[in-house]
């Protein structure tokens, strides 16, 4: 049984109905329909656009985690933060190329 959601009221209905029983609207979207999200900072940092949908980018995630780990360790030893940026960028490029 597949379902769809009424755009007007948000009610879940069976995919075989032609109008919403609650608000009589005929505008629906599928439950599993992929919607392109707005270009907010979360999607730019963690996701990559691939074949009309967004996928969690493992290379970006690993680069961000690497940057945080090295930035914290470099702050304790008073080494410039530019090294953390360079290492994170190298991790991203290696992950992206694989």
PDB file of N, CA and C in Angstrom:
ATOM      1  N   UNK A   1       0.843  -1.174   0.000  1.00  0.00           N
ATOM      2  CA  UNK A   1       0.000   0.000   0.000  1.00  0.00           C
ATOM      3  C   UNK A   1       0.889   1.239   0.000  1.00  0.00           C
ATOM      4  N   UNK A   2       0.775   2.023  -1.013  1.00  0.00           N
ATOM      5  CA  UNK A   2       1.534   3.256  -1.046  1.00  0.00           C
ATOM      6  C   UNK A   2       0.643   4.408  -0.592  1.00  0.00           C
ATOM      7  N   UNK A   3       1.292   5.415  -0.085  1.00  0.00           N
ATOM      8  CA  UNK A   3       0.565   6.564   0.438  1.00  0.00           C
ATOM      9  C   UNK A   3       1.046   7.827  -0.237  1.00  0.00           C
ATOM     10  N   UNK A   4       0.229   8.839  -0.148  1.00  0.00           N
ATOM     11  CA  UNK A   4       0.624  10.177  -0.568  1.00  0.00           C
ATOM     12  C   UNK A   4       0.121  11.159   0.469  1.00  0.00           C
ATOM     13  N   UNK A   5       0.681  12.341   0.452  1.00  0.00           N
ATOM     14  CA  UNK A   5       0.379  13.357   1.457  1.00  0.00           C
ATOM     15  C   UNK A   5      -0.293  14.534   0.790  1.00  0.00           C
ATOM     16  N   UNK A   6      -1.373  15.013   1.408  1.00  0.00           N
ATOM     17  CA  UNK A   6      -2.062  16.204   0.906  1.00  0.00           C
ATOM     18  C   UNK A   6      -1.178  17.418   1.153  1.00  0.00           C
ATOM     19  N   UNK A   7      -0.978  18.210   0.132  1.00  0.00           N
ATOM     20  CA  UNK A   7      -0.126  19.392   0.256  1.00  0.00           C
ATOM     21  C   UNK A   7      -0.800  20.466   1.113  1.00  0.00           C
ATOM     22  N   UNK A   8      -2.109  20.549   1.041  1.00  0.00           N
ATOM     23  CA  UNK A   8      -2.842  21.601   1.743  1.00  0.00           C
ATOM     24  C   UNK A   8      -2.908  21.364   3.250  1.00  0.00           C
ATOM     25  N   UNK A   9      -3.292  20.142   3.685  1.00  0.00           N
ATOM     26  CA  UNK A   9      -3.489  19.896   5.117  1.00  0.00           C
ATOM     27  C   UNK A   9      -2.472  18.936   5.721  1.00  0.00           C
ATOM     28  N   UNK A  10      -1.681  18.214   4.897  1.00  0.00           N
ATOM     29  CA  UNK A  10      -0.675  17.308   5.409  1.00  0.00           C
ATOM     30  C   UNK A  10      -1.205  15.943   5.794  1.00  0.00           C
ATOM     31  N   UNK A  11      -2.446  15.631   5.452  1.00  0.00           N
ATOM     32  CA  UNK A  11      -3.067  14.354   5.782  1.00  0.00           C
ATOM     33  C   UNK A  11      -2.515  13.253   4.878  1.00  0.00           C
ATOM     34  N   UNK A  12      -2.179  12.077   5.457  1.00  0.00           N
ATOM     35  CA  UNK A  12      -1.734  10.938   4.666  1.00  0.00           C
ATOM     36  C   UNK A  12      -2.958  10.185   4.171  1.00  0.00           C
ATOM     37  N   UNK A  13      -2.988   9.932   2.873  1.00  0.00           N
ATOM     38  CA  UNK A  13      -4.109   9.205   2.271  1.00  0.00           C
ATOM     39  C   UNK A  13      -3.557   8.097   1.385  1.00  0.00           C
ATOM     40  N   UNK A  14      -4.429   7.169   1.007  1.00  0.00           N
ATOM     41  CA  UNK A  14      -4.051   6.090   0.104  1.00  0.00           C
ATOM     42  C   UNK A  14      -3.769   6.672  -1.281  1.00  0.00           C
ATOM     43  N   UNK A  15      -2.876   6.034  -2.011  1.00  0.00           N
ATOM     44  CA  UNK A  15      -2.505   6.568  -3.321  1.00  0.00           C
ATOM     45  C   UNK A  15      -3.614   6.428  -4.359  1.00  0.00           C
ATOM     46  N   UNK A  16      -4.654   5.640  -4.076  1.00  0.00           N
ATOM     47  CA  UNK A  16      -5.721   5.439  -5.054  1.00  0.00           C
ATOM     48  C   UNK A  16      -6.796   6.527  -5.018  1.00  0.00           C
ATOM     49  N   UNK A  17      -6.839   7.354  -3.969  1.00  0.00           N
ATOM     50  CA  UNK A  17      -7.872   8.390  -3.881  1.00  0.00           C
ATOM     51  C   UNK A  17      -7.501   9.581  -4.757  1.00  0.00           C
ATOM     52  N   UNK A  18      -8.536  10.293  -5.207  1.00  0.00           N
ATOM     53  CA  UNK A  18      -8.324  11.448  -6.077  1.00  0.00           C
ATOM     54  C   UNK A  18      -8.411  12.775  -5.349  1.00  0.00           C
ATOM     55  N   UNK A  19      -8.977  12.772  -4.127  1.00  0.00           N
ATOM     56  CA  UNK A  19      -9.057  14.008  -3.356  1.00  0.00           C
ATOM     57  C   UNK A  19      -8.930  13.675  -1.875  1.00  0.00           C
ATOM     58  N   UNK A  20      -8.489  14.641  -1.109  1.00  0.00           N
ATOM     59  CA  UNK A  20      -8.282  14.470   0.326  1.00  0.00           C
ATOM     60  C   UNK A  20      -9.632  14.426   1.034  1.00  0.00           C
ATOM     61  N   UNK A  21      -9.891  13.435   1.873  1.00  0.00           N
ATOM     62  CA  UNK A  21     -11.175  13.384   2.570  1.00  0.00           C
ATOM     63  C   UNK A  21     -11.338  14.478   3.617  1.00  0.00           C
ATOM     64  N   UNK A  22     -10.248  15.052   4.084  1.00  0.00           N
ATOM     65  CA  UNK A  22     -10.334  16.081   5.113  1.00  0.00           C
ATOM     66  C   UNK A  22     -10.606  17.470   4.521  1.00  0.00           C
ATOM     67  N   UNK A  23      -9.861  17.849   3.481  1.00  0.00           N
ATOM     68  CA  UNK A  23      -9.976  19.224   2.962  1.00  0.00           C
ATOM     69  C   UNK A  23     -10.426  19.284   1.508  1.00  0.00           C
ATOM     70  N   UNK A  24     -10.665  18.141   0.890  1.00  0.00           N
ATOM     71  CA  UNK A  24     -11.144  18.038  -0.498  1.00  0.00           C
ATOM     72  C   UNK A  24     -10.153  18.583  -1.525  1.00  0.00           C
ATOM     73  N   UNK A  25      -8.894  18.685  -1.177  1.00  0.00           N
ATOM     74  CA  UNK A  25      -7.869  19.161  -2.103  1.00  0.00           C
ATOM     75  C   UNK A  25      -7.466  18.035  -3.040  1.00  0.00           C
ATOM     76  N   UNK A  26      -7.012  18.400  -4.220  1.00  0.00           N
ATOM     77  CA  UNK A  26      -6.537  17.417  -5.185  1.00  0.00           C
ATOM     78  C   UNK A  26      -5.031  17.531  -5.422  1.00  0.00           C
ATOM     79  N   UNK A  27      -4.338  18.234  -4.557  1.00  0.00           N
ATOM     80  CA  UNK A  27      -2.890  18.413  -4.667  1.00  0.00           C
ATOM     81  C   UNK A  27      -2.197  17.481  -3.686  1.00  0.00           C
ATOM     82  N   UNK A  28      -1.381  16.571  -4.210  1.00  0.00           N
ATOM     83  CA  UNK A  28      -0.698  15.596  -3.380  1.00  0.00           C
ATOM     84  C   UNK A  28       0.777  15.535  -3.744  1.00  0.00           C
ATOM     85  N   UNK A  29       1.559  14.990  -2.813  1.00  0.00           N
ATOM     86  CA  UNK A  29       2.937  14.619  -3.100  1.00  0.00           C
ATOM     87  C   UNK A  29       3.144  13.218  -2.546  1.00  0.00           C
ATOM     88  N   UNK A  30       4.002  12.458  -3.192  1.00  0.00           N
ATOM     89  CA  UNK A  30       4.261  11.098  -2.751  1.00  0.00           C
ATOM     90  C   UNK A  30       5.066  11.111  -1.466  1.00  0.00           C
ATOM     91  N   UNK A  31       4.898  10.075  -0.659  1.00  0.00           N
ATOM     92  CA  UNK A  31       5.614   9.998   0.610  1.00  0.00           C
ATOM     93  C   UNK A  31       7.120   9.885   0.362  1.00  0.00           C
ATOM     94  N   UNK A  32       7.513   9.113  -0.622  1.00  0.00           N
ATOM     95  CA  UNK A  32       8.928   8.899  -0.900  1.00  0.00           C
ATOM     96  C   UNK A  32       9.484   9.846  -1.952  1.00  0.00           C
ATOM     97  N   UNK A  33       8.777  10.894  -2.248  1.00  0.00           N
ATOM     98  CA  UNK A  33       9.218  11.838  -3.265  1.00  0.00           C
ATOM     99  C   UNK A  33      10.409  12.637  -2.760  1.00  0.00           C
ATOM    100  N   UNK A  34      11.444  12.705  -3.568  1.00  0.00           N
ATOM    101  CA  UNK A  34      12.620  13.484  -3.208  1.00  0.00           C
ATOM    102  C   UNK A  34      12.388  14.945  -3.561  1.00  0.00           C
ATOM    103  N   UNK A  35      12.596  15.800  -2.609  1.00  0.00           N
ATOM    104  CA  UNK A  35      12.418  17.226  -2.822  1.00  0.00           C
ATOM    105  C   UNK A  35      13.781  17.879  -2.710  1.00  0.00           C
ATOM    106  N   UNK A  36      14.106  18.702  -3.662  1.00  0.00           N
ATOM    107  CA  UNK A  36      15.383  19.398  -3.615  1.00  0.00           C
ATOM    108  C   UNK A  36      15.318  20.447  -2.510  1.00  0.00           C
ATOM    109  N   UNK A  37      16.126  20.280  -1.472  1.00  0.00           N
ATOM    110  CA  UNK A  37      16.081  21.238  -0.368  1.00  0.00           C
ATOM    111  C   UNK A  37      16.719  22.563  -0.753  1.00  0.00           C
ATOM    112  N   UNK A  38      16.447  23.526   0.079  1.00  0.00           N
ATOM    113  CA  UNK A  38      17.054  24.838  -0.133  1.00  0.00           C
ATOM    114  C   UNK A  38      18.554  24.726   0.088  1.00  0.00           C
ATOM    115  N   UNK A  39      19.301  25.606  -0.508  1.00  0.00           N
ATOM    116  CA  UNK A  39      20.755  25.555  -0.421  1.00  0.00           C
ATOM    117  C   UNK A  39      21.271  26.113   0.886  1.00  0.00           C
ATOM    118  N   UNK A  40      20.885  25.494   2.009  1.00  0.00           N
ATOM    119  CA  UNK A  40      21.365  25.997   3.289  1.00  0.00           C
ATOM    120  C   UNK A  40      22.756  25.451   3.591  1.00  0.00           C
ATOM    121  N   UNK A  41      23.330  25.899   4.663  1.00  0.00           N
ATOM    122  CA  UNK A  41      24.721  25.589   4.980  1.00  0.00           C
ATOM    123  C   UNK A  41      24.911  24.115   5.309  1.00  0.00           C
ATOM    124  N   UNK A  42      23.911  23.459   5.885  1.00  0.00           N
ATOM    125  CA  UNK A  42      24.026  22.043   6.222  1.00  0.00           C
ATOM    126  C   UNK A  42      24.185  21.204   4.958  1.00  0.00           C
ATOM    127  N   UNK A  43      23.367  21.485   3.944  1.00  0.00           N
ATOM    128  CA  UNK A  43      23.462  20.718   2.709  1.00  0.00           C
ATOM    129  C   UNK A  43      24.758  21.008   1.950  1.00  0.00           C
ATOM    130  N   UNK A  44      25.228  22.215   2.043  1.00  0.00           N
ATOM    131  CA  UNK A  44      26.482  22.539   1.370  1.00  0.00           C
ATOM    132  C   UNK A  44      27.680  21.886   2.056  1.00  0.00           C
ATOM    133  N   UNK A  45      27.604  21.722   3.379  1.00  0.00           N
ATOM    134  CA  UNK A  45      28.725  21.137   4.109  1.00  0.00           C
ATOM    135  C   UNK A  45      28.750  19.614   4.047  1.00  0.00           C
ATOM    136  N   UNK A  46      27.596  18.967   4.138  1.00  0.00           N
ATOM    137  CA  UNK A  46      27.578  17.525   4.319  1.00  0.00           C
ATOM    138  C   UNK A  46      27.085  16.722   3.118  1.00  0.00           C
ATOM    139  N   UNK A  47      26.447  17.350   2.148  1.00  0.00           N
ATOM    140  CA  UNK A  47      25.848  16.601   1.041  1.00  0.00           C
ATOM    141  C   UNK A  47      26.431  17.039  -0.295  1.00  0.00           C
ATOM    142  N   UNK A  48      26.326  16.146  -1.263  1.00  0.00           N
ATOM    143  CA  UNK A  48      26.715  16.461  -2.632  1.00  0.00           C
ATOM    144  C   UNK A  48      25.558  16.096  -3.546  1.00  0.00           C
ATOM    145  N   UNK A  49      25.366  16.874  -4.596  1.00  0.00           N
ATOM    146  CA  UNK A  49      24.263  16.677  -5.526  1.00  0.00           C
ATOM    147  C   UNK A  49      24.702  15.703  -6.602  1.00  0.00           C
ATOM    148  N   UNK A  50      23.980  14.575  -6.711  1.00  0.00           N
ATOM    149  CA  UNK A  50      24.376  13.531  -7.644  1.00  0.00           C
ATOM    150  C   UNK A  50      23.132  12.963  -8.312  1.00  0.00           C
ATOM    151  N   UNK A  51      23.033  13.099  -9.625  1.00  0.00           N
ATOM    152  CA  UNK A  51      21.930  12.519 -10.406  1.00  0.00           C
ATOM    153  C   UNK A  51      20.558  12.919  -9.874  1.00  0.00           C
ATOM    154  N   UNK A  52      20.306  14.171  -9.679  1.00  0.00           N
ATOM    155  CA  UNK A  52      19.032  14.764  -9.275  1.00  0.00           C
ATOM    156  C   UNK A  52      18.626  14.444  -7.839  1.00  0.00           C
ATOM    157  N   UNK A  53      19.560  14.060  -6.985  1.00  0.00           N
ATOM    158  CA  UNK A  53      19.252  13.901  -5.573  1.00  0.00           C
ATOM    159  C   UNK A  53      20.516  14.147  -4.752  1.00  0.00           C
ATOM    160  N   UNK A  54      20.330  14.381  -3.454  1.00  0.00           N
ATOM    161  CA  UNK A  54      21.448  14.666  -2.576  1.00  0.00           C
ATOM    162  C   UNK A  54      21.903  13.395  -1.867  1.00  0.00           C
ATOM    163  N   UNK A  55      23.223  13.251  -1.739  1.00  0.00           N
ATOM    164  CA  UNK A  55      23.834  12.096  -1.080  1.00  0.00           C
ATOM    165  C   UNK A  55      24.798  12.624  -0.030  1.00  0.00           C
ATOM    166  N   UNK A  56      24.834  11.928   1.122  1.00  0.00           N
ATOM    167  CA  UNK A  56      25.784  12.294   2.158  1.00  0.00           C
ATOM    168  C   UNK A  56      27.197  12.094   1.624  1.00  0.00           C
ATOM    169  N   UNK A  57      27.992  13.144   1.654  1.00  0.00           N
ATOM    170  CA  UNK A  57      29.353  13.095   1.122  1.00  0.00           C
ATOM    171  C   UNK A  57      30.306  12.625   2.214  1.00  0.00           C
ATOM    172  N   UNK A  58      30.808  11.419   2.053  1.00  0.00           N
ATOM    173  CA  UNK A  58      31.714  10.860   3.050  1.00  0.00           C
ATOM    174  C   UNK A  58      33.036  11.614   3.094  1.00  0.00           C
ATOM    175  N   UNK A  59      33.488  12.082   1.946  1.00  0.00           N
ATOM    176  CA  UNK A  59      34.757  12.809   1.925  1.00  0.00           C
ATOM    177  C   UNK A  59      34.636  14.164   2.627  1.00  0.00           C
ATOM    178  N   UNK A  60      33.509  14.842   2.450  1.00  0.00           N
ATOM    179  CA  UNK A  60      33.308  16.113   3.151  1.00  0.00           C
ATOM    180  C   UNK A  60      33.192  15.885   4.654  1.00  0.00           C
ATOM    181  N   UNK A  61      32.458  14.850   5.038  1.00  0.00           N
ATOM    182  CA  UNK A  61      32.280  14.549   6.455  1.00  0.00           C
ATOM    183  C   UNK A  61      33.614  14.205   7.108  1.00  0.00           C
ATOM    184  N   UNK A  62      34.409  13.384   6.437  1.00  0.00           N
ATOM    185  CA  UNK A  62      35.717  13.018   6.968  1.00  0.00           C
ATOM    186  C   UNK A  62      36.650  14.229   7.045  1.00  0.00           C
ATOM    187  N   UNK A  63      36.584  15.120   6.066  1.00  0.00           N
ATOM    188  CA  UNK A  63      37.421  16.325   6.086  1.00  0.00           C
ATOM    189  C   UNK A  63      37.024  17.252   7.236  1.00  0.00           C
ATOM    190  N   UNK A  64      35.730  17.376   7.503  1.00  0.00           N
ATOM    191  CA  UNK A  64      35.279  18.231   8.606  1.00  0.00           C
ATOM    192  C   UNK A  64      35.704  17.646   9.946  1.00  0.00           C
ATOM    193  N   UNK A  65      35.554  16.327  10.100  1.00  0.00           N
ATOM    194  CA  UNK A  65      35.974  15.685  11.346  1.00  0.00           C
ATOM    195  C   UNK A  65      37.485  15.816  11.526  1.00  0.00           C
ATOM    196  N   UNK A  66      38.243  15.626  10.460  1.00  0.00           N
ATOM    197  CA  UNK A  66      39.699  15.779  10.522  1.00  0.00           C
ATOM    198  C   UNK A  66      40.081  17.203  10.906  1.00  0.00           C
ATOM    199  N   UNK A  67      39.408  18.176  10.311  1.00  0.00           N
ATOM    200  CA  UNK A  67      39.700  19.575  10.638  1.00  0.00           C
ATOM    201  C   UNK A  67      39.444  19.853  12.111  1.00  0.00           C
ATOM    202  N   UNK A  68      38.320  19.360  12.630  1.00  0.00           N
ATOM    203  CA  UNK A  68      37.997  19.614  14.041  1.00  0.00           C
ATOM    204  C   UNK A  68      39.032  18.968  14.955  1.00  0.00           C
ATOM    205  N   UNK A  69      39.410  17.735  14.653  1.00  0.00           N
ATOM    206  CA  UNK A  69      40.392  17.039  15.496  1.00  0.00           C
ATOM    207  C   UNK A  69      41.742  17.754  15.465  1.00  0.00           C
ATOM    208  N   UNK A  70      42.213  18.099  14.279  1.00  0.00           N
ATOM    209  CA  UNK A  70      43.512  18.763  14.184  1.00  0.00           C
ATOM    210  C   UNK A  70      43.463  20.193  14.711  1.00  0.00           C
ATOM    211  N   UNK A  71      42.356  20.883  14.539  1.00  0.00           N
ATOM    212  CA  UNK A  71      42.255  22.251  15.045  1.00  0.00           C
ATOM    213  C   UNK A  71      42.320  22.262  16.564  1.00  0.00           C
ATOM    214  N   UNK A  72      41.639  21.315  17.187  1.00  0.00           N
ATOM    215  CA  UNK A  72      41.678  21.246  18.656  1.00  0.00           C
ATOM    216  C   UNK A  72      43.076  20.862  19.134  1.00  0.00           C
ATOM    217  N   UNK A  73      43.701  19.914  18.478  1.00  0.00           N
ATOM    218  CA  UNK A  73      45.048  19.515  18.901  1.00  0.00           C
ATOM    219  C   UNK A  73      46.074  20.611  18.622  1.00  0.00           C
ATOM    220  N   UNK A  74      45.902  21.346  17.526  1.00  0.00           N
ATOM    221  CA  UNK A  74      46.835  22.424  17.222  1.00  0.00           C
ATOM    222  C   UNK A  74      46.665  23.605  18.171  1.00  0.00           C
ATOM    223  N   UNK A  75      45.457  23.822  18.647  1.00  0.00           N
ATOM    224  CA  UNK A  75      45.244  24.917  19.593  1.00  0.00           C
ATOM    225  C   UNK A  75      45.944  24.637  20.920  1.00  0.00           C
ATOM    226  N   UNK A  76      46.046  23.371  21.291  1.00  0.00           N
ATOM    227  CA  UNK A  76      46.739  23.029  22.534  1.00  0.00           C
ATOM    228  C   UNK A  76      48.253  23.223  22.413  1.00  0.00           C
ATOM    229  N   UNK A  77      48.784  23.045  21.212  1.00  0.00           N
ATOM    230  CA  UNK A  77      50.227  23.154  21.022  1.00  0.00           C
ATOM    231  C   UNK A  77      50.643  24.468  20.366  1.00  0.00           C
ATOM    232  N   UNK A  78      49.737  25.388  20.212  1.00  0.00           N
ATOM    233  CA  UNK A  78      49.946  26.722  19.637  1.00  0.00           C
ATOM    234  C   UNK A  78      50.611  26.684  18.255  1.00  0.00           C
ATOM    235  N   UNK A  79      50.152  25.776  17.418  1.00  0.00           N
ATOM    236  CA  UNK A  79      50.594  25.682  16.028  1.00  0.00           C
ATOM    237  C   UNK A  79      49.539  26.389  15.178  1.00  0.00           C
ATOM    238  N   UNK A  80      49.932  27.064  14.101  1.00  0.00           N
ATOM    239  CA  UNK A  80      48.939  27.769  13.282  1.00  0.00           C
ATOM    240  C   UNK A  80      47.836  26.851  12.755  1.00  0.00           C
ATOM    241  N   UNK A  81      46.642  27.362  12.675  1.00  0.00           N
ATOM    242  CA  UNK A  81      45.464  26.602  12.255  1.00  0.00           C
ATOM    243  C   UNK A  81      45.497  26.264  10.764  1.00  0.00           C
ATOM    244  N   UNK A  82      46.381  26.907  10.030  1.00  0.00           N
ATOM    245  CA  UNK A  82      46.475  26.664   8.589  1.00  0.00           C
ATOM    246  C   UNK A  82      46.858  25.216   8.298  1.00  0.00           C
ATOM    247  N   UNK A  83      47.590  24.572   9.202  1.00  0.00           N
ATOM    248  CA  UNK A  83      47.950  23.171   9.017  1.00  0.00           C
ATOM    249  C   UNK A  83      46.708  22.276   9.070  1.00  0.00           C
ATOM    250  N   UNK A  84      45.780  22.590   9.954  1.00  0.00           N
ATOM    251  CA  UNK A  84      44.535  21.826  10.038  1.00  0.00           C
ATOM    252  C   UNK A  84      43.725  21.983   8.756  1.00  0.00           C
ATOM    253  N   UNK A  85      43.729  23.178   8.200  1.00  0.00           N
ATOM    254  CA  UNK A  85      43.002  23.425   6.946  1.00  0.00           C
ATOM    255  C   UNK A  85      43.647  22.646   5.799  1.00  0.00           C
ATOM    256  N   UNK A  86      44.959  22.657   5.726  1.00  0.00           N
ATOM    257  CA  UNK A  86      45.665  21.950   4.652  1.00  0.00           C
ATOM    258  C   UNK A  86      45.437  20.438   4.751  1.00  0.00           C
ATOM    259  N   UNK A  87      45.528  19.893   5.947  1.00  0.00           N
ATOM    260  CA  UNK A  87      45.327  18.448   6.124  1.00  0.00           C
ATOM    261  C   UNK A  87      43.890  18.064   5.792  1.00  0.00           C
ATOM    262  N   UNK A  88      42.918  18.860   6.241  1.00  0.00           N
ATOM    263  CA  UNK A  88      41.513  18.572   5.934  1.00  0.00           C
ATOM    264  C   UNK A  88      41.256  18.658   4.434  1.00  0.00           C
ATOM    265  N   UNK A  89      41.865  19.616   3.762  1.00  0.00           N
ATOM    266  CA  UNK A  89      41.701  19.734   2.317  1.00  0.00           C
ATOM    267  C   UNK A  89      42.298  18.528   1.597  1.00  0.00           C
ATOM    268  N   UNK A  90      43.459  18.073   2.047  1.00  0.00           N
ATOM    269  CA  UNK A  90      44.069  16.888   1.448  1.00  0.00           C
ATOM    270  C   UNK A  90      43.196  15.647   1.648  1.00  0.00           C
ATOM    271  N   UNK A  91      42.612  15.505   2.834  1.00  0.00           N
ATOM    272  CA  UNK A  91      41.703  14.382   3.101  1.00  0.00           C
ATOM    273  C   UNK A  91      40.495  14.458   2.181  1.00  0.00           C
ATOM    274  N   UNK A  92      39.959  15.660   1.983  1.00  0.00           N
ATOM    275  CA  UNK A  92      38.802  15.825   1.097  1.00  0.00           C
ATOM    276  C   UNK A  92      39.151  15.464  -0.347  1.00  0.00           C
ATOM    277  N   UNK A  93      40.288  15.923  -0.819  1.00  0.00           N
ATOM    278  CA  UNK A  93      40.687  15.646  -2.207  1.00  0.00           C
ATOM    279  C   UNK A  93      40.930  14.150  -2.405  1.00  0.00           C
ATOM    280  N   UNK A  94      41.573  13.501  -1.449  1.00  0.00           N
ATOM    281  CA  UNK A  94      41.799  12.056  -1.573  1.00  0.00           C
ATOM    282  C   UNK A  94      40.477  11.307  -1.546  1.00  0.00           C
ATOM    283  N   UNK A  95      39.590  11.675  -0.641  1.00  0.00           N
ATOM    284  CA  UNK A  95      38.277  11.019  -0.571  1.00  0.00           C
ATOM    285  C   UNK A  95      37.436  11.284  -1.804  1.00  0.00           C
ATOM    286  N   UNK A  96      37.513  12.477  -2.337  1.00  0.00           N
ATOM    287  CA  UNK A  96      36.738  12.819  -3.541  1.00  0.00           C
ATOM    288  C   UNK A  96      37.263  12.064  -4.762  1.00  0.00           C
ATOM    289  N   UNK A  97      38.573  11.880  -4.833  1.00  0.00           N
ATOM    290  CA  UNK A  97      39.143  11.199  -5.986  1.00  0.00           C
ATOM    291  C   UNK A  97      38.877   9.691  -5.960  1.00  0.00           C
ATOM    292  N   UNK A  98      38.700   9.139  -4.773  1.00  0.00           N
ATOM    293  CA  UNK A  98      38.401   7.712  -4.670  1.00  0.00           C
ATOM    294  C   UNK A  98      36.957   7.458  -5.031  1.00  0.00           C
TER     295      UNK A  98
END
